[in-house]
């Protein structure tokens, strides 16, 4: 199993970024997927999740209305569209295969002026 995140970077408050995660080594279209984030010294927290066919999504309260999770099963890719970013969104973002301890290495997002 391999999960590779990309798309992180430095963005100003109020800006946008879209993260991507390329999955391989498992039946992607059969797996629910999630995005988590982690700040040094804190536990990893769930940001958003999506069902295997993308019909159901769920978001943490702190990103509702600003972030959107999506997937392309034909490309084995998971996305996280992040809008109206805030400094408190600064973290390393990880994608995860639900119900398994399969994680990517993460991509750093820094929101700062």
Protein backbone atom coordinates (compact mmCIF):
# COMPACT_ATOMS: atom_id res chain seq x y z
CA UNK A 1 0.00 0.00 0.00
CA UNK A 2 1.30 3.43 -0.92
CA UNK A 3 -0.26 6.83 -0.32
CA UNK A 4 1.58 9.90 -1.59
CA UNK A 5 0.35 13.37 -0.73
CA UNK A 6 1.24 16.54 -2.58
CA UNK A 7 0.07 20.11 -3.03
CA UNK A 8 1.07 21.63 0.27
CA UNK A 9 2.92 24.91 0.56
CA UNK A 10 2.89 28.42 1.93
CA UNK A 11 -0.29 30.44 1.45
CA UNK A 12 -1.59 33.69 2.85
CA UNK A 13 -4.61 33.79 5.14
CA UNK A 14 -7.76 33.70 3.06
CA UNK A 15 -6.01 31.83 0.29
CA UNK A 16 -6.65 28.41 -1.20
CA UNK A 17 -4.79 25.18 -1.79
CA UNK A 18 -5.76 21.81 -3.18
CA UNK A 19 -4.05 18.74 -1.80
CA UNK A 20 -3.81 15.47 -3.70
CA UNK A 21 -3.14 11.92 -2.63
CA UNK A 22 -2.24 9.19 -5.09
CA UNK A 23 -3.08 5.70 -3.87
CA UNK A 24 -1.75 2.33 -5.00
CA UNK A 25 -1.50 -1.23 -3.80
CA UNK A 26 -5.11 -1.71 -2.76
CA UNK A 27 -8.59 -1.52 -4.32
CA UNK A 28 -9.03 2.22 -4.07
CA UNK A 29 -12.63 2.27 -5.27
CA UNK A 30 -13.58 -0.11 -2.47
CA UNK A 31 -12.04 2.00 0.29
CA UNK A 32 -13.35 4.93 2.23
CA UNK A 33 -10.64 7.56 2.58
CA UNK A 34 -9.86 10.39 4.94
CA UNK A 35 -7.68 13.44 5.38
CA UNK A 36 -6.09 14.10 8.75
CA UNK A 37 -3.79 16.82 9.96
CA UNK A 38 -1.23 17.15 12.70
CA UNK A 39 0.53 19.99 14.42
CA UNK A 40 3.73 19.27 16.34
CA UNK A 41 2.95 18.36 19.92
CA UNK A 42 -0.68 17.57 19.18
CA UNK A 43 -2.56 14.46 18.18
CA UNK A 44 -3.45 13.84 14.58
CA UNK A 45 -7.03 15.00 13.96
CA UNK A 46 -9.62 14.02 11.38
CA UNK A 47 -10.35 16.72 8.83
CA UNK A 48 -12.68 15.05 6.35
CA UNK A 49 -13.71 11.66 5.06
CA UNK A 50 -15.38 10.29 1.98
CA UNK A 51 -17.07 7.01 1.19
CA UNK A 52 -15.70 4.62 -1.41
CA UNK A 53 -17.85 5.93 -4.25
CA UNK A 54 -17.85 9.50 -3.05
CA UNK A 55 -21.54 9.55 -2.25
CA UNK A 56 -21.03 10.46 1.40
CA UNK A 57 -18.71 13.00 2.96
CA UNK A 58 -18.16 14.25 6.47
CA UNK A 59 -16.17 17.18 7.82
CA UNK A 60 -14.77 18.35 11.11
CA UNK A 61 -16.59 21.39 12.39
CA UNK A 62 -13.48 23.53 12.09
CA UNK A 63 -13.37 23.10 8.28
CA UNK A 64 -17.06 22.89 7.38
CA UNK A 65 -17.93 25.33 4.63
CA UNK A 66 -14.25 25.93 3.78
CA UNK A 67 -12.84 22.53 2.75
CA UNK A 68 -14.13 19.98 0.26
CA UNK A 69 -13.03 16.37 -0.04
CA UNK A 70 -13.31 14.60 -3.37
CA UNK A 71 -11.98 11.55 -5.17
CA UNK A 72 -11.40 10.23 -8.66
CA UNK A 73 -11.59 6.45 -8.58
CA UNK A 74 -10.44 6.20 -12.17
CA UNK A 75 -7.17 7.87 -11.24
CA UNK A 76 -6.88 6.45 -7.71
CA UNK A 77 -6.66 9.99 -6.37
CA UNK A 78 -8.04 11.72 -3.33
CA UNK A 79 -8.29 15.50 -3.06
CA UNK A 80 -8.77 18.13 -0.40
CA UNK A 81 -9.78 21.55 -1.66
CA UNK A 82 -9.05 24.12 1.04
CA UNK A 83 -10.48 27.62 0.84
CA UNK A 84 -10.42 30.64 3.13
CA UNK A 85 -7.40 29.22 4.89
CA UNK A 86 -6.58 30.40 8.39
CA UNK A 87 -3.28 30.39 10.29
CA UNK A 88 -4.69 27.66 12.52
CA UNK A 89 -4.95 25.40 9.47
CA UNK A 90 -1.16 25.21 9.45
CA UNK A 91 -0.29 21.52 9.82
CA UNK A 92 0.99 18.46 8.05
CA UNK A 93 -1.87 16.90 6.14
CA UNK A 94 -2.12 13.13 5.67
CA UNK A 95 -4.37 10.91 3.65
CA UNK A 96 -5.49 7.63 5.14
CA UNK A 97 -7.25 4.51 4.02
CA UNK A 98 -10.19 4.04 6.36
CA UNK A 99 -10.28 0.99 8.65
CA UNK A 100 -6.59 0.36 8.04
CA UNK A 101 -3.46 1.92 9.43
CA UNK A 102 -2.30 2.96 5.99
CA UNK A 103 -0.94 6.49 5.96
CA UNK A 104 0.99 8.69 3.59
CA UNK A 105 4.01 10.74 4.68
CA UNK A 106 2.07 13.96 4.63
CA UNK A 107 2.34 17.34 2.99
CA UNK A 108 3.05 20.54 4.89
CA UNK A 109 0.60 23.43 4.73
CA UNK A 110 1.64 26.78 6.17
CA UNK A 111 -0.83 29.62 6.36
CA UNK A 112 0.95 32.85 7.11
CA UNK A 113 1.24 36.42 5.93
